[in-house]
Structures are given as C-alpha cells and as structure tokens.
Amino acid sequence: MRYLCLVHGTGPALSPDRAAALGDLERRGHLVAAGALEPPAAGVLVRLRDGLVSVTDCPPGEHPVLAYFLLDARDLNEAIQLAARDPAARYAAIEVRPLRLRP
C-alpha cells in the first residue's frame, strides 16, 4: 500500500541526514518519490466556484508543508515506523496518510 508523508514544520526541508535516510528507504524498496516544497508564499490556491476560477495567495500557516515523500509499506504501522526514521521527525511533524488508488 502507498502512504503519502507530509513534513510539516519550520526546519530545513532537505539536510544531509535527511538525504541519507531517504536514500536508505530507496535502497530498501520503500521510497517511491520525495521532494521539498517552496514556502507557501511561492504557491497559490486555485478554486472553481460557479464556473469561475479564483486564484489567491496561499496562507502562510503556522506549520507549512516543507517536504513530502511517498512510501510503499505493507500497512499503516510499517509506514509510521518508516516515517519515524526520518530525521525531520526530530524538528517537524510528519503526517502519514494512506493513498486511495484509482480502481
């Protein structure tokens, strides 16, 4: 099963120890994809209401999403254990959410 992990916080999105941890996950066959995000100020929110497109600035947020990684794990417990190995867990919160795959 696949799990999207979102790193929320204010620390570095990618450090040498995070890169090493992600490399280990990749070698073990658990890492599907990973990346860092620009700050919320670099993004926009897109909405479609009554046929009209609205684009607004992203709110800054107290705990913005810094980075993401996509895991392949047998279940939620394994995904949590893998996410807890990420050094970002020491200074940020890692949200682990199962993906709903298309039928």
PDB file of N, CA and C in Angstrom:
ATOM      1  N   MET A   1       0.851  -1.168   0.000  1.00  0.00           N
ATOM      2  CA  MET A   1       0.000   0.000   0.000  1.00  0.00           C
ATOM      3  C   MET A   1       0.897   1.232   0.000  1.00  0.00           C
ATOM      4  N   ARG A   2       0.399   2.316  -0.542  1.00  0.00           N
ATOM      5  CA  ARG A   2       1.178   3.546  -0.615  1.00  0.00           C
ATOM      6  C   ARG A   2       0.679   4.561   0.411  1.00  0.00           C
ATOM      7  N   TYR A   3       1.645   5.301   0.982  1.00  0.00           N
ATOM      8  CA  TYR A   3       1.373   6.305   2.021  1.00  0.00           C
ATOM      9  C   TYR A   3       2.102   7.583   1.661  1.00  0.00           C
ATOM     10  N   LEU A   4       1.378   8.688   1.674  1.00  0.00           N
ATOM     11  CA  LEU A   4       1.973   9.993   1.444  1.00  0.00           C
ATOM     12  C   LEU A   4       2.359  10.566   2.798  1.00  0.00           C
ATOM     13  N   CYS A   5       3.611  10.958   2.932  1.00  0.00           N
ATOM     14  CA  CYS A   5       4.117  11.554   4.166  1.00  0.00           C
ATOM     15  C   CYS A   5       4.403  13.030   3.899  1.00  0.00           C
ATOM     16  N   LEU A   6       3.757  13.880   4.676  1.00  0.00           N
ATOM     17  CA  LEU A   6       3.930  15.323   4.550  1.00  0.00           C
ATOM     18  C   LEU A   6       4.685  15.821   5.763  1.00  0.00           C
ATOM     19  N   VAL A   7       5.811  16.504   5.524  1.00  0.00           N
ATOM     20  CA  VAL A   7       6.644  17.028   6.605  1.00  0.00           C
ATOM     21  C   VAL A   7       6.197  18.452   6.887  1.00  0.00           C
ATOM     22  N   HIS A   8       5.603  18.664   8.071  1.00  0.00           N
ATOM     23  CA  HIS A   8       5.113  19.988   8.479  1.00  0.00           C
ATOM     24  C   HIS A   8       6.094  20.587   9.484  1.00  0.00           C
ATOM     25  N   GLY A   9       6.442  21.848   9.318  1.00  0.00           N
ATOM     26  CA  GLY A   9       7.304  22.479  10.314  1.00  0.00           C
ATOM     27  C   GLY A   9       7.995  23.710   9.779  1.00  0.00           C
ATOM     28  N   THR A  10       9.085  24.065  10.443  1.00  0.00           N
ATOM     29  CA  THR A  10       9.822  25.266  10.057  1.00  0.00           C
ATOM     30  C   THR A  10      11.304  24.998   9.881  1.00  0.00           C
ATOM     31  N   GLY A  11      11.743  23.759   9.925  1.00  0.00           N
ATOM     32  CA  GLY A  11      13.161  23.425   9.791  1.00  0.00           C
ATOM     33  C   GLY A  11      13.570  23.280   8.343  1.00  0.00           C
ATOM     34  N   PRO A  12      14.770  22.724   8.111  1.00  0.00           N
ATOM     35  CA  PRO A  12      15.245  22.537   6.735  1.00  0.00           C
ATOM     36  C   PRO A  12      14.456  21.447   6.022  1.00  0.00           C
ATOM     37  N   ALA A  13      14.119  21.688   4.772  1.00  0.00           N
ATOM     38  CA  ALA A  13      13.361  20.704   4.001  1.00  0.00           C
ATOM     39  C   ALA A  13      14.230  19.513   3.620  1.00  0.00           C
ATOM     40  N   LEU A  14      15.500  19.764   3.347  1.00  0.00           N
ATOM     41  CA  LEU A  14      16.394  18.671   2.976  1.00  0.00           C
ATOM     42  C   LEU A  14      17.765  18.958   3.555  1.00  0.00           C
ATOM     43  N   SER A  15      18.235  18.077   4.398  1.00  0.00           N
ATOM     44  CA  SER A  15      19.558  18.188   5.009  1.00  0.00           C
ATOM     45  C   SER A  15      20.332  16.924   4.636  1.00  0.00           C
ATOM     46  N   PRO A  16      21.639  16.912   4.872  1.00  0.00           N
ATOM     47  CA  PRO A  16      22.406  15.706   4.539  1.00  0.00           C
ATOM     48  C   PRO A  16      21.889  14.447   5.251  1.00  0.00           C
ATOM     49  N   ASP A  17      21.481  14.583   6.514  1.00  0.00           N
ATOM     50  CA  ASP A  17      20.981  13.389   7.209  1.00  0.00           C
ATOM     51  C   ASP A  17      19.629  12.939   6.665  1.00  0.00           C
ATOM     52  N   ARG A  18      18.780  13.889   6.233  1.00  0.00           N
ATOM     53  CA  ARG A  18      17.507  13.504   5.599  1.00  0.00           C
ATOM     54  C   ARG A  18      17.767  12.834   4.261  1.00  0.00           C
ATOM     55  N   ALA A  19      18.715  13.373   3.493  1.00  0.00           N
ATOM     56  CA  ALA A  19      19.042  12.778   2.190  1.00  0.00           C
ATOM     57  C   ALA A  19      19.534  11.349   2.379  1.00  0.00           C
ATOM     58  N   ALA A  20      20.350  11.110   3.402  1.00  0.00           N
ATOM     59  CA  ALA A  20      20.845   9.762   3.673  1.00  0.00           C
ATOM     60  C   ALA A  20      19.702   8.831   4.079  1.00  0.00           C
ATOM     61  N   ALA A  21      18.800   9.317   4.918  1.00  0.00           N
ATOM     62  CA  ALA A  21      17.666   8.498   5.360  1.00  0.00           C
ATOM     63  C   ALA A  21      16.762   8.147   4.186  1.00  0.00           C
ATOM     64  N   LEU A  22      16.513   9.114   3.300  1.00  0.00           N
ATOM     65  CA  LEU A  22      15.685   8.842   2.122  1.00  0.00           C
ATOM     66  C   LEU A  22      16.388   7.863   1.190  1.00  0.00           C
ATOM     67  N   GLY A  23      17.710   8.003   1.067  1.00  0.00           N
ATOM     68  CA  GLY A  23      18.472   7.063   0.242  1.00  0.00           C
ATOM     69  C   GLY A  23      18.373   5.649   0.783  1.00  0.00           C
ATOM     70  N   ASP A  24      18.393   5.515   2.112  1.00  0.00           N
ATOM     71  CA  ASP A  24      18.243   4.194   2.729  1.00  0.00           C
ATOM     72  C   ASP A  24      16.862   3.609   2.428  1.00  0.00           C
ATOM     73  N   LEU A  25      15.821   4.439   2.542  1.00  0.00           N
ATOM     74  CA  LEU A  25      14.466   3.965   2.211  1.00  0.00           C
ATOM     75  C   LEU A  25      14.378   3.518   0.752  1.00  0.00           C
ATOM     76  N   GLU A  26      15.053   4.262  -0.120  1.00  0.00           N
ATOM     77  CA  GLU A  26      15.029   3.922  -1.542  1.00  0.00           C
ATOM     78  C   GLU A  26      15.746   2.588  -1.779  1.00  0.00           C
ATOM     79  N   ARG A  27      16.898   2.393  -1.172  1.00  0.00           N
ATOM     80  CA  ARG A  27      17.646   1.136  -1.334  1.00  0.00           C
ATOM     81  C   ARG A  27      16.850  -0.069  -0.821  1.00  0.00           C
ATOM     82  N   ARG A  28      16.047   0.154   0.220  1.00  0.00           N
ATOM     83  CA  ARG A  28      15.261  -0.934   0.806  1.00  0.00           C
ATOM     84  C   ARG A  28      13.937  -1.143   0.077  1.00  0.00           C
ATOM     85  N   GLY A  29      13.670  -0.347  -0.960  1.00  0.00           N
ATOM     86  CA  GLY A  29      12.476  -0.538  -1.775  1.00  0.00           C
ATOM     87  C   GLY A  29      11.210   0.103  -1.234  1.00  0.00           C
ATOM     88  N   HIS A  30      11.324   1.011  -0.256  1.00  0.00           N
ATOM     89  CA  HIS A  30      10.144   1.647   0.328  1.00  0.00           C
ATOM     90  C   HIS A  30       9.851   3.026  -0.262  1.00  0.00           C
ATOM     91  N   LEU A  31      10.862   3.738  -0.746  1.00  0.00           N
ATOM     92  CA  LEU A  31      10.662   5.106  -1.223  1.00  0.00           C
ATOM     93  C   LEU A  31      10.239   5.099  -2.680  1.00  0.00           C
ATOM     94  N   VAL A  32       9.090   5.702  -2.952  1.00  0.00           N
ATOM     95  CA  VAL A  32       8.582   5.808  -4.318  1.00  0.00           C
ATOM     96  C   VAL A  32       8.986   7.150  -4.923  1.00  0.00           C
ATOM     97  N   ALA A  33       8.855   8.221  -4.136  1.00  0.00           N
ATOM     98  CA  ALA A  33       9.195   9.568  -4.593  1.00  0.00           C
ATOM     99  C   ALA A  33       9.402  10.452  -3.368  1.00  0.00           C
ATOM    100  N   ALA A  34      10.134  11.555  -3.562  1.00  0.00           N
ATOM    101  CA  ALA A  34      10.354  12.507  -2.469  1.00  0.00           C
ATOM    102  C   ALA A  34      10.707  13.854  -3.066  1.00  0.00           C
ATOM    103  N   GLY A  35      10.460  14.907  -2.303  1.00  0.00           N
ATOM    104  CA  GLY A  35      10.816  16.237  -2.761  1.00  0.00           C
ATOM    105  C   GLY A  35      10.579  17.270  -1.685  1.00  0.00           C
ATOM    106  N   ALA A  36      11.160  18.432  -1.897  1.00  0.00           N
ATOM    107  CA  ALA A  36      10.970  19.562  -0.992  1.00  0.00           C
ATOM    108  C   ALA A  36      10.037  20.560  -1.669  1.00  0.00           C
ATOM    109  N   LEU A  37       9.369  21.352  -0.875  1.00  0.00           N
ATOM    110  CA  LEU A  37       8.454  22.364  -1.418  1.00  0.00           C
ATOM    111  C   LEU A  37       8.984  23.763  -1.125  1.00  0.00           C
ATOM    112  N   GLU A  38       8.682  24.660  -2.016  1.00  0.00           N
ATOM    113  CA  GLU A  38       8.968  26.067  -1.774  1.00  0.00           C
ATOM    114  C   GLU A  38       8.033  26.553  -0.669  1.00  0.00           C
ATOM    115  N   PRO A  39       8.332  27.681  -0.025  1.00  0.00           N
ATOM    116  CA  PRO A  39       7.442  28.199   1.024  1.00  0.00           C
ATOM    117  C   PRO A  39       6.053  28.506   0.477  1.00  0.00           C
ATOM    118  N   PRO A  40       5.039  28.538   1.362  1.00  0.00           N
ATOM    119  CA  PRO A  40       3.669  28.819   0.915  1.00  0.00           C
ATOM    120  C   PRO A  40       3.551  30.090   0.078  1.00  0.00           C
ATOM    121  N   ALA A  41       4.362  31.096   0.348  1.00  0.00           N
ATOM    122  CA  ALA A  41       4.287  32.351  -0.412  1.00  0.00           C
ATOM    123  C   ALA A  41       4.569  32.147  -1.896  1.00  0.00           C
ATOM    124  N   ALA A  42       5.227  31.053  -2.250  1.00  0.00           N
ATOM    125  CA  ALA A  42       5.539  30.780  -3.653  1.00  0.00           C
ATOM    126  C   ALA A  42       4.381  30.101  -4.381  1.00  0.00           C
ATOM    127  N   GLY A  43       3.373  29.655  -3.642  1.00  0.00           N
ATOM    128  CA  GLY A  43       2.263  28.927  -4.249  1.00  0.00           C
ATOM    129  C   GLY A  43       0.973  29.732  -4.257  1.00  0.00           C
ATOM    130  N   VAL A  44      -0.017  29.164  -4.879  1.00  0.00           N
ATOM    131  CA  VAL A  44      -1.343  29.777  -4.936  1.00  0.00           C
ATOM    132  C   VAL A  44      -2.399  28.710  -4.676  1.00  0.00           C
ATOM    133  N   LEU A  45      -3.580  29.150  -4.289  1.00  0.00           N
ATOM    134  CA  LEU A  45      -4.745  28.284  -4.146  1.00  0.00           C
ATOM    135  C   LEU A  45      -5.642  28.506  -5.351  1.00  0.00           C
ATOM    136  N   VAL A  46      -6.081  27.436  -5.984  1.00  0.00           N
ATOM    137  CA  VAL A  46      -6.958  27.525  -7.155  1.00  0.00           C
ATOM    138  C   VAL A  46      -8.299  26.913  -6.773  1.00  0.00           C
ATOM    139  N   ARG A  47      -9.350  27.676  -7.038  1.00  0.00           N
ATOM    140  CA  ARG A  47     -10.707  27.200  -6.758  1.00  0.00           C
ATOM    141  C   ARG A  47     -11.582  27.432  -7.992  1.00  0.00           C
ATOM    142  N   LEU A  48     -12.559  26.566  -8.158  1.00  0.00           N
ATOM    143  CA  LEU A  48     -13.557  26.734  -9.213  1.00  0.00           C
ATOM    144  C   LEU A  48     -14.905  26.797  -8.526  1.00  0.00           C
ATOM    145  N   ARG A  49     -15.556  27.941  -8.599  1.00  0.00           N
ATOM    146  CA  ARG A  49     -16.868  28.145  -7.980  1.00  0.00           C
ATOM    147  C   ARG A  49     -17.813  28.745  -9.012  1.00  0.00           C
ATOM    148  N   ASP A  50     -18.931  28.075  -9.219  1.00  0.00           N
ATOM    149  CA  ASP A  50     -19.939  28.550 -10.167  1.00  0.00           C
ATOM    150  C   ASP A  50     -19.333  28.852 -11.532  1.00  0.00           C
ATOM    151  N   GLY A  51     -18.403  28.003 -11.965  1.00  0.00           N
ATOM    152  CA  GLY A  51     -17.795  28.164 -13.282  1.00  0.00           C
ATOM    153  C   GLY A  51     -16.690  29.203 -13.359  1.00  0.00           C
ATOM    154  N   LEU A  52     -16.380  29.874 -12.265  1.00  0.00           N
ATOM    155  CA  LEU A  52     -15.336  30.901 -12.262  1.00  0.00           C
ATOM    156  C   LEU A  52     -14.105  30.405 -11.511  1.00  0.00           C
ATOM    157  N   VAL A  53     -12.934  30.619 -12.111  1.00  0.00           N
ATOM    158  CA  VAL A  53     -11.674  30.233 -11.486  1.00  0.00           C
ATOM    159  C   VAL A  53     -11.196  31.386 -10.608  1.00  0.00           C
ATOM    160  N   SER A  54     -10.829  31.034  -9.389  1.00  0.00           N
ATOM    161  CA  SER A  54     -10.296  32.007  -8.442  1.00  0.00           C
ATOM    162  C   SER A  54      -8.894  31.562  -8.048  1.00  0.00           C
ATOM    163  N   VAL A  55      -7.953  32.481  -8.079  1.00  0.00           N
ATOM    164  CA  VAL A  55      -6.572  32.194  -7.680  1.00  0.00           C
ATOM    165  C   VAL A  55      -6.188  33.178  -6.582  1.00  0.00           C
ATOM    166  N   THR A  56      -5.797  32.649  -5.429  1.00  0.00           N
ATOM    167  CA  THR A  56      -5.390  33.502  -4.306  1.00  0.00           C
ATOM    168  C   THR A  56      -4.052  33.019  -3.757  1.00  0.00           C
ATOM    169  N   ASP A  57      -3.387  33.888  -3.024  1.00  0.00           N
ATOM    170  CA  ASP A  57      -2.134  33.507  -2.378  1.00  0.00           C
ATOM    171  C   ASP A  57      -2.394  32.451  -1.322  1.00  0.00           C
ATOM    172  N   CYS A  58      -1.417  31.575  -1.124  1.00  0.00           N
ATOM    173  CA  CYS A  58      -1.509  30.579  -0.051  1.00  0.00           C
ATOM    174  C   CYS A  58      -1.323  31.274   1.285  1.00  0.00           C
ATOM    175  N   PRO A  59      -2.112  30.907   2.269  1.00  0.00           N
ATOM    176  CA  PRO A  59      -1.891  31.474   3.598  1.00  0.00           C
ATOM    177  C   PRO A  59      -0.572  30.950   4.156  1.00  0.00           C
ATOM    178  N   PRO A  60       0.154  31.771   4.943  1.00  0.00           N
ATOM    179  CA  PRO A  60       1.461  31.345   5.423  1.00  0.00           C
ATOM    180  C   PRO A  60       1.420  30.108   6.312  1.00  0.00           C
ATOM    181  N   GLY A  61       0.446  29.987   7.183  1.00  0.00           N
ATOM    182  CA  GLY A  61       0.331  28.810   8.043  1.00  0.00           C
ATOM    183  C   GLY A  61       1.407  28.751   9.109  1.00  0.00           C
ATOM    184  N   GLU A  62       1.023  28.225  10.255  1.00  0.00           N
ATOM    185  CA  GLU A  62       1.967  28.110  11.366  1.00  0.00           C
ATOM    186  C   GLU A  62       2.949  26.964  11.144  1.00  0.00           C
ATOM    187  N   HIS A  63       2.478  25.888  10.517  1.00  0.00           N
ATOM    188  CA  HIS A  63       3.314  24.714  10.252  1.00  0.00           C
ATOM    189  C   HIS A  63       3.169  24.326   8.787  1.00  0.00           C
ATOM    190  N   PRO A  64       3.843  25.056   7.891  1.00  0.00           N
ATOM    191  CA  PRO A  64       3.690  24.763   6.465  1.00  0.00           C
ATOM    192  C   PRO A  64       4.282  23.402   6.102  1.00  0.00           C
ATOM    193  N   VAL A  65       3.844  22.870   4.973  1.00  0.00           N
ATOM    194  CA  VAL A  65       4.405  21.628   4.457  1.00  0.00           C
ATOM    195  C   VAL A  65       5.761  21.966   3.838  1.00  0.00           C
ATOM    196  N   LEU A  66       6.820  21.358   4.377  1.00  0.00           N
ATOM    197  CA  LEU A  66       8.177  21.603   3.899  1.00  0.00           C
ATOM    198  C   LEU A  66       8.586  20.642   2.786  1.00  0.00           C
ATOM    199  N   ALA A  67       8.128  19.403   2.932  1.00  0.00           N
ATOM    200  CA  ALA A  67       8.572  18.358   2.019  1.00  0.00           C
ATOM    201  C   ALA A  67       7.549  17.229   2.025  1.00  0.00           C
ATOM    202  N   TYR A  68       7.738  16.291   1.122  1.00  0.00           N
ATOM    203  CA  TYR A  68       6.873  15.124   1.055  1.00  0.00           C
ATOM    204  C   TYR A  68       7.711  13.921   0.673  1.00  0.00           C
ATOM    205  N   PHE A  69       7.218  12.750   1.009  1.00  0.00           N
ATOM    206  CA  PHE A  69       7.774  11.527   0.460  1.00  0.00           C
ATOM    207  C   PHE A  69       6.663  10.497   0.383  1.00  0.00           C
ATOM    208  N   LEU A  70       6.766   9.650  -0.611  1.00  0.00           N
ATOM    209  CA  LEU A  70       5.758   8.632  -0.876  1.00  0.00           C
ATOM    210  C   LEU A  70       6.376   7.275  -0.574  1.00  0.00           C
ATOM    211  N   LEU A  71       5.728   6.539   0.330  1.00  0.00           N
ATOM    212  CA  LEU A  71       6.236   5.247   0.765  1.00  0.00           C
ATOM    213  C   LEU A  71       5.396   4.097   0.238  1.00  0.00           C
ATOM    214  N   ASP A  72       6.046   2.987   0.050  1.00  0.00           N
ATOM    215  CA  ASP A  72       5.378   1.724  -0.218  1.00  0.00           C
ATOM    216  C   ASP A  72       5.603   0.877   1.029  1.00  0.00           C
ATOM    217  N   ALA A  73       4.536   0.593   1.764  1.00  0.00           N
ATOM    218  CA  ALA A  73       4.632  -0.156   3.022  1.00  0.00           C
ATOM    219  C   ALA A  73       3.510  -1.175   3.083  1.00  0.00           C
ATOM    220  N   ARG A  74       3.709  -2.200   3.890  1.00  0.00           N
ATOM    221  CA  ARG A  74       2.690  -3.264   3.952  1.00  0.00           C
ATOM    222  C   ARG A  74       1.424  -2.799   4.650  1.00  0.00           C
ATOM    223  N   ASP A  75       1.565  -1.847   5.644  1.00  0.00           N
ATOM    224  CA  ASP A  75       0.389  -1.333   6.352  1.00  0.00           C
ATOM    225  C   ASP A  75       0.751  -0.016   7.034  1.00  0.00           C
ATOM    226  N   LEU A  76      -0.234   0.582   7.701  1.00  0.00           N
ATOM    227  CA  LEU A  76      -0.022   1.875   8.348  1.00  0.00           C
ATOM    228  C   LEU A  76       1.061   1.794   9.419  1.00  0.00           C
ATOM    229  N   ASN A  77       1.101   0.709  10.172  1.00  0.00           N
ATOM    230  CA  ASN A  77       2.116   0.579  11.213  1.00  0.00           C
ATOM    231  C   ASN A  77       3.526   0.612  10.637  1.00  0.00           C
ATOM    232  N   GLU A  78       3.745  -0.087   9.540  1.00  0.00           N
ATOM    233  CA  GLU A  78       5.069  -0.059   8.925  1.00  0.00           C
ATOM    234  C   GLU A  78       5.368   1.330   8.384  1.00  0.00           C
ATOM    235  N   ALA A  79       4.378   1.996   7.786  1.00  0.00           N
ATOM    236  CA  ALA A  79       4.584   3.346   7.266  1.00  0.00           C
ATOM    237  C   ALA A  79       4.961   4.312   8.396  1.00  0.00           C
ATOM    238  N   ILE A  80       4.326   4.168   9.554  1.00  0.00           N
ATOM    239  CA  ILE A  80       4.657   5.015  10.707  1.00  0.00           C
ATOM    240  C   ILE A  80       6.089   4.750  11.159  1.00  0.00           C
ATOM    241  N   GLN A  81       6.477   3.489  11.235  1.00  0.00           N
ATOM    242  CA  GLN A  81       7.841   3.158  11.648  1.00  0.00           C
ATOM    243  C   GLN A  81       8.866   3.723  10.669  1.00  0.00           C
ATOM    244  N   LEU A  82       8.573   3.644   9.378  1.00  0.00           N
ATOM    245  CA  LEU A  82       9.490   4.189   8.370  1.00  0.00           C
ATOM    246  C   LEU A  82       9.566   5.706   8.464  1.00  0.00           C
ATOM    247  N   ALA A  83       8.421   6.358   8.637  1.00  0.00           N
ATOM    248  CA  ALA A  83       8.408   7.824   8.741  1.00  0.00           C
ATOM    249  C   ALA A  83       9.156   8.293   9.983  1.00  0.00           C
ATOM    250  N   ALA A  84       9.055   7.540  11.066  1.00  0.00           N
ATOM    251  CA  ALA A  84       9.723   7.922  12.310  1.00  0.00           C
ATOM    252  C   ALA A  84      11.237   7.881  12.176  1.00  0.00           C
ATOM    253  N   ARG A  85      11.757   7.166  11.211  1.00  0.00           N
ATOM    254  CA  ARG A  85      13.213   7.114  10.982  1.00  0.00           C
ATOM    255  C   ARG A  85      13.736   8.361  10.280  1.00  0.00           C
ATOM    256  N   ASP A  86      12.827   9.141   9.695  1.00  0.00           N
ATOM    257  CA  ASP A  86      13.246  10.363   9.003  1.00  0.00           C
ATOM    258  C   ASP A  86      13.746  11.362  10.042  1.00  0.00           C
ATOM    259  N   PRO A  87      14.962  11.894   9.887  1.00  0.00           N
ATOM    260  CA  PRO A  87      15.481  12.876  10.843  1.00  0.00           C
ATOM    261  C   PRO A  87      14.581  14.097  11.020  1.00  0.00           C
ATOM    262  N   ALA A  88      13.733  14.395  10.044  1.00  0.00           N
ATOM    263  CA  ALA A  88      12.825  15.539  10.162  1.00  0.00           C
ATOM    264  C   ALA A  88      11.845  15.351  11.313  1.00  0.00           C
ATOM    265  N   ALA A  89      11.617  14.120  11.733  1.00  0.00           N
ATOM    266  CA  ALA A  89      10.688  13.859  12.845  1.00  0.00           C
ATOM    267  C   ALA A  89      11.193  14.489  14.146  1.00  0.00           C
ATOM    268  N   ARG A  90      12.493  14.819  14.215  1.00  0.00           N
ATOM    269  CA  ARG A  90      13.063  15.448  15.419  1.00  0.00           C
ATOM    270  C   ARG A  90      12.674  16.920  15.553  1.00  0.00           C
ATOM    271  N   TYR A  91      12.408  17.596  14.428  1.00  0.00           N
ATOM    272  CA  TYR A  91      12.109  19.033  14.478  1.00  0.00           C
ATOM    273  C   TYR A  91      10.802  19.403  13.788  1.00  0.00           C
ATOM    274  N   ALA A  92      10.146  18.455  13.170  1.00  0.00           N
ATOM    275  CA  ALA A  92       8.906  18.714  12.436  1.00  0.00           C
ATOM    276  C   ALA A  92       7.916  17.595  12.741  1.00  0.00           C
ATOM    277  N   ALA A  93       6.719  17.754  12.255  1.00  0.00           N
ATOM    278  CA  ALA A  93       5.707  16.696  12.360  1.00  0.00           C
ATOM    279  C   ALA A  93       5.570  16.049  10.993  1.00  0.00           C
ATOM    280  N   ILE A  94       5.442  14.735  10.978  1.00  0.00           N
ATOM    281  CA  ILE A  94       5.272  14.026   9.715  1.00  0.00           C
ATOM    282  C   ILE A  94       3.878  13.413   9.700  1.00  0.00           C
ATOM    283  N   GLU A  95       3.070  13.906   8.789  1.00  0.00           N
ATOM    284  CA  GLU A  95       1.715  13.373   8.597  1.00  0.00           C
ATOM    285  C   GLU A  95       1.810  12.174   7.657  1.00  0.00           C
ATOM    286  N   VAL A  96       1.272  11.049   8.067  1.00  0.00           N
ATOM    287  CA  VAL A  96       1.291   9.831   7.260  1.00  0.00           C
ATOM    288  C   VAL A  96      -0.140   9.518   6.874  1.00  0.00           C
ATOM    289  N   ARG A  97      -0.398   9.517   5.577  1.00  0.00           N
ATOM    290  CA  ARG A  97      -1.780   9.333   5.119  1.00  0.00           C
ATOM    291  C   ARG A  97      -1.825   8.296   3.993  1.00  0.00           C
ATOM    292  N   PRO A  98      -2.704   7.282   4.124  1.00  0.00           N
ATOM    293  CA  PRO A  98      -2.829   6.289   3.046  1.00  0.00           C
ATOM    294  C   PRO A  98      -3.428   6.921   1.792  1.00  0.00           C
ATOM    295  N   LEU A  99      -2.944   6.441   0.651  1.00  0.00           N
ATOM    296  CA  LEU A  99      -3.483   6.922  -0.622  1.00  0.00           C
ATOM    297  C   LEU A  99      -4.628   6.033  -1.071  1.00  0.00           C
ATOM    298  N   ARG A 100      -5.624   6.645  -1.637  1.00  0.00           N
ATOM    299  CA  ARG A 100      -6.695   5.898  -2.304  1.00  0.00           C
ATOM    300  C   ARG A 100      -6.302   5.811  -3.761  1.00  0.00           C
ATOM    301  N   LEU A 101      -6.052   4.620  -4.207  1.00  0.00           N
ATOM    302  CA  LEU A 101      -5.662   4.430  -5.605  1.00  0.00           C
ATOM    303  C   LEU A 101      -6.905   4.249  -6.444  1.00  0.00           C
ATOM    304  N   ARG A 102      -6.815   4.699  -7.673  1.00  0.00           N
ATOM    305  CA  ARG A 102      -7.951   4.555  -8.585  1.00  0.00           C
ATOM    306  C   ARG A 102      -8.250   3.095  -8.836  1.00  0.00           C
ATOM    307  N   PRO A 103      -9.544   2.754  -8.995  1.00  0.00           N
ATOM    308  CA  PRO A 103      -9.903   1.350  -9.278  1.00  0.00           C
ATOM    309  C   PRO A 103      -9.425   0.908 -10.647  1.00  0.00           C
TER     310      PRO A 103
END
